[in-house]
Amino acid sequence: MAKLSTFLKKILRLLMDKLMPSCDVVSRMVSDSLDRPLPLWDRLRIHLHLMFCRFCTRYRRQLMAMRNMFENNHQKEEASQATDQPGLSDSARERIKQSLLPPEDH
């Protein structure tokens, strides 16, 4: 009975090694998933790995947070450009430049 249990553990371990990719592979796949849709098999392998690996889960969460931050920033920039808000006048720009120069250059 003990031999059967050991044998089943070995088979289960081999199966898990085949199904669950390493952290290196998962981090690359998670990054790729931001650029393009992944096949179902890859998404399943990522999901299986993330269930067990808190470090890759954190990495994915951080990538998603950065992506959302950049998208929100980009949308805000587009919105501000769409409203045609005027920028600084040329004279205001020149006054700022002069105020930033060292005193001997005034």
C-alpha atoms as a PDB file:
ATOM      1  CA  MET A   1       0.000   0.000   0.000  1.00  0.00           C
ATOM      2  CA  ALA A   2       2.849   2.386   0.832  1.00  0.00           C
ATOM      3  CA  LYS A   3       4.448   1.682  -2.574  1.00  0.00           C
ATOM      4  CA  LEU A   4       1.195   2.558  -4.322  1.00  0.00           C
ATOM      5  CA  SER A   5       0.931   5.803  -2.383  1.00  0.00           C
ATOM      6  CA  THR A   6       4.514   6.724  -3.242  1.00  0.00           C
ATOM      7  CA  PHE A   7       3.916   5.801  -6.868  1.00  0.00           C
ATOM      8  CA  LEU A   8       0.774   7.972  -7.030  1.00  0.00           C
ATOM      9  CA  LYS A   9       2.617  10.886  -5.432  1.00  0.00           C
ATOM     10  CA  LYS A  10       5.346  10.617  -8.070  1.00  0.00           C
ATOM     11  CA  ILE A  11       2.810  10.530 -10.887  1.00  0.00           C
ATOM     12  CA  LEU A  12       0.946  13.477  -9.431  1.00  0.00           C
ATOM     13  CA  ARG A  13       4.184  15.404  -9.080  1.00  0.00           C
ATOM     14  CA  LEU A  14       5.171  14.673 -12.699  1.00  0.00           C
ATOM     15  CA  LEU A  15       1.733  15.718 -13.863  1.00  0.00           C
ATOM     16  CA  MET A  16       1.925  18.971 -11.908  1.00  0.00           C
ATOM     17  CA  ASP A  17       5.396  19.679 -13.288  1.00  0.00           C
ATOM     18  CA  LYS A  18       4.063  19.255 -16.811  1.00  0.00           C
ATOM     19  CA  LEU A  19       0.925  21.316 -16.257  1.00  0.00           C
ATOM     20  CA  MET A  20       2.288  24.080 -14.081  1.00  0.00           C
ATOM     21  CA  PRO A  21       5.019  26.213 -15.656  1.00  0.00           C
ATOM     22  CA  SER A  22       7.849  27.821 -13.716  1.00  0.00           C
ATOM     23  CA  CYS A  23       7.722  31.399 -12.438  1.00  0.00           C
ATOM     24  CA  ASP A  24       9.976  32.552 -15.294  1.00  0.00           C
ATOM     25  CA  VAL A  25       7.571  31.181 -17.869  1.00  0.00           C
ATOM     26  CA  VAL A  26       4.506  32.529 -16.080  1.00  0.00           C
ATOM     27  CA  SER A  27       5.931  36.033 -15.714  1.00  0.00           C
ATOM     28  CA  ARG A  28       6.656  36.128 -19.453  1.00  0.00           C
ATOM     29  CA  MET A  29       3.195  34.776 -20.272  1.00  0.00           C
ATOM     30  CA  VAL A  30       1.498  37.294 -17.970  1.00  0.00           C
ATOM     31  CA  SER A  31       3.405  40.097 -19.657  1.00  0.00           C
ATOM     32  CA  ASP A  32       2.479  38.742 -23.086  1.00  0.00           C
ATOM     33  CA  SER A  33      -1.169  38.569 -22.072  1.00  0.00           C
ATOM     34  CA  LEU A  34      -1.180  42.369 -21.763  1.00  0.00           C
ATOM     35  CA  ASP A  35      -0.186  42.696 -25.415  1.00  0.00           C
ATOM     36  CA  ARG A  36      -2.235  39.970 -27.043  1.00  0.00           C
ATOM     37  CA  PRO A  37      -4.839  37.337 -26.197  1.00  0.00           C
ATOM     38  CA  LEU A  38      -3.337  34.024 -25.117  1.00  0.00           C
ATOM     39  CA  PRO A  39      -4.585  30.592 -26.108  1.00  0.00           C
ATOM     40  CA  LEU A  40      -6.899  28.852 -23.674  1.00  0.00           C
ATOM     41  CA  TRP A  41      -4.244  26.319 -22.666  1.00  0.00           C
ATOM     42  CA  ASP A  42      -1.791  29.063 -21.676  1.00  0.00           C
ATOM     43  CA  ARG A  43      -4.452  30.939 -19.722  1.00  0.00           C
ATOM     44  CA  LEU A  44      -5.283  27.743 -17.827  1.00  0.00           C
ATOM     45  CA  ARG A  45      -1.628  27.113 -17.023  1.00  0.00           C
ATOM     46  CA  ILE A  46      -1.246  30.674 -15.745  1.00  0.00           C
ATOM     47  CA  HIS A  47      -4.361  30.382 -13.631  1.00  0.00           C
ATOM     48  CA  LEU A  48      -3.174  27.071 -12.147  1.00  0.00           C
ATOM     49  CA  HIS A  49       0.215  28.562 -11.309  1.00  0.00           C
ATOM     50  CA  LEU A  50      -1.309  31.689  -9.775  1.00  0.00           C
ATOM     51  CA  MET A  51      -3.404  29.563  -7.444  1.00  0.00           C
ATOM     52  CA  PHE A  52      -0.197  28.331  -5.811  1.00  0.00           C
ATOM     53  CA  CYS A  53       2.338  31.131  -6.295  1.00  0.00           C
ATOM     54  CA  ARG A  54       1.810  34.350  -4.382  1.00  0.00           C
ATOM     55  CA  PHE A  55       4.846  36.008  -5.954  1.00  0.00           C
ATOM     56  CA  CYS A  56       3.546  35.639  -9.505  1.00  0.00           C
ATOM     57  CA  THR A  57       0.130  36.758  -8.291  1.00  0.00           C
ATOM     58  CA  ARG A  58       1.698  39.928  -6.900  1.00  0.00           C
ATOM     59  CA  TYR A  59       3.650  40.448 -10.118  1.00  0.00           C
ATOM     60  CA  ARG A  60       0.465  40.152 -12.193  1.00  0.00           C
ATOM     61  CA  ARG A  61      -1.391  42.517  -9.876  1.00  0.00           C
ATOM     62  CA  GLN A  62       1.434  45.073 -10.163  1.00  0.00           C
ATOM     63  CA  LEU A  63       1.479  44.840 -13.959  1.00  0.00           C
ATOM     64  CA  MET A  64      -2.279  45.337 -14.091  1.00  0.00           C
ATOM     65  CA  ALA A  65      -2.042  48.340 -11.741  1.00  0.00           C
ATOM     66  CA  MET A  66       0.649  49.943 -13.926  1.00  0.00           C
ATOM     67  CA  ARG A  67      -1.378  49.262 -17.055  1.00  0.00           C
ATOM     68  CA  ASN A  68      -4.469  50.869 -15.532  1.00  0.00           C
ATOM     69  CA  MET A  69      -2.453  53.836 -14.308  1.00  0.00           C
ATOM     70  CA  PHE A  70      -0.957  54.446 -17.759  1.00  0.00           C
ATOM     71  CA  GLU A  71      -4.329  54.059 -19.476  1.00  0.00           C
ATOM     72  CA  ASN A  72      -5.972  56.511 -17.062  1.00  0.00           C
ATOM     73  CA  ASN A  73      -3.139  59.003 -17.536  1.00  0.00           C
ATOM     74  CA  HIS A  74      -3.396  58.674 -21.304  1.00  0.00           C
ATOM     75  CA  GLN A  75      -7.164  59.248 -21.185  1.00  0.00           C
ATOM     76  CA  LYS A  76      -6.697  62.342 -19.017  1.00  0.00           C
ATOM     77  CA  GLU A  77      -4.139  63.736 -21.472  1.00  0.00           C
ATOM     78  CA  GLU A  78      -6.485  63.145 -24.390  1.00  0.00           C
ATOM     79  CA  ALA A  79      -9.336  64.793 -22.521  1.00  0.00           C
ATOM     80  CA  SER A  80      -7.266  67.857 -21.694  1.00  0.00           C
ATOM     81  CA  GLN A  81      -6.106  68.162 -25.306  1.00  0.00           C
ATOM     82  CA  ALA A  82      -9.657  67.741 -26.578  1.00  0.00           C
ATOM     83  CA  THR A  83     -10.883  70.698 -24.536  1.00  0.00           C
ATOM     84  CA  ASP A  84      -8.259  72.942 -26.166  1.00  0.00           C
ATOM     85  CA  GLN A  85      -7.111  74.377 -22.895  1.00  0.00           C
ATOM     86  CA  PRO A  86      -4.530  77.025 -23.634  1.00  0.00           C
ATOM     87  CA  GLY A  87      -1.024  76.478 -22.406  1.00  0.00           C
ATOM     88  CA  LEU A  88       1.326  79.088 -21.055  1.00  0.00           C
ATOM     89  CA  SER A  89       1.834  82.198 -23.086  1.00  0.00           C
ATOM     90  CA  ASP A  90       5.264  82.871 -24.547  1.00  0.00           C
ATOM     91  CA  SER A  91       5.869  85.719 -22.105  1.00  0.00           C
ATOM     92  CA  ALA A  92       4.962  83.488 -19.145  1.00  0.00           C
ATOM     93  CA  ARG A  93       7.347  80.818 -20.389  1.00  0.00           C
ATOM     94  CA  GLU A  94      10.125  83.378 -20.683  1.00  0.00           C
ATOM     95  CA  ARG A  95       9.502  84.707 -17.143  1.00  0.00           C
ATOM     96  CA  ILE A  96       9.695  81.164 -15.757  1.00  0.00           C
ATOM     97  CA  LYS A  97      12.936  80.495 -17.641  1.00  0.00           C
ATOM     98  CA  GLN A  98      14.448  83.703 -16.304  1.00  0.00           C
ATOM     99  CA  SER A  99      13.395  82.920 -12.727  1.00  0.00           C
ATOM    100  CA  LEU A 100      15.097  79.495 -12.953  1.00  0.00           C
ATOM    101  CA  LEU A 101      18.440  80.911 -14.087  1.00  0.00           C
ATOM    102  CA  PRO A 102      21.168  81.570 -11.500  1.00  0.00           C
ATOM    103  CA  PRO A 103      21.293  85.237 -10.307  1.00  0.00           C
ATOM    104  CA  GLU A 104      24.430  86.158 -12.303  1.00  0.00           C
ATOM    105  CA  ASP A 105      22.764  85.174 -15.604  1.00  0.00           C
ATOM    106  CA  HIS A 106      19.783  87.574 -15.227  1.00  0.00           C
END
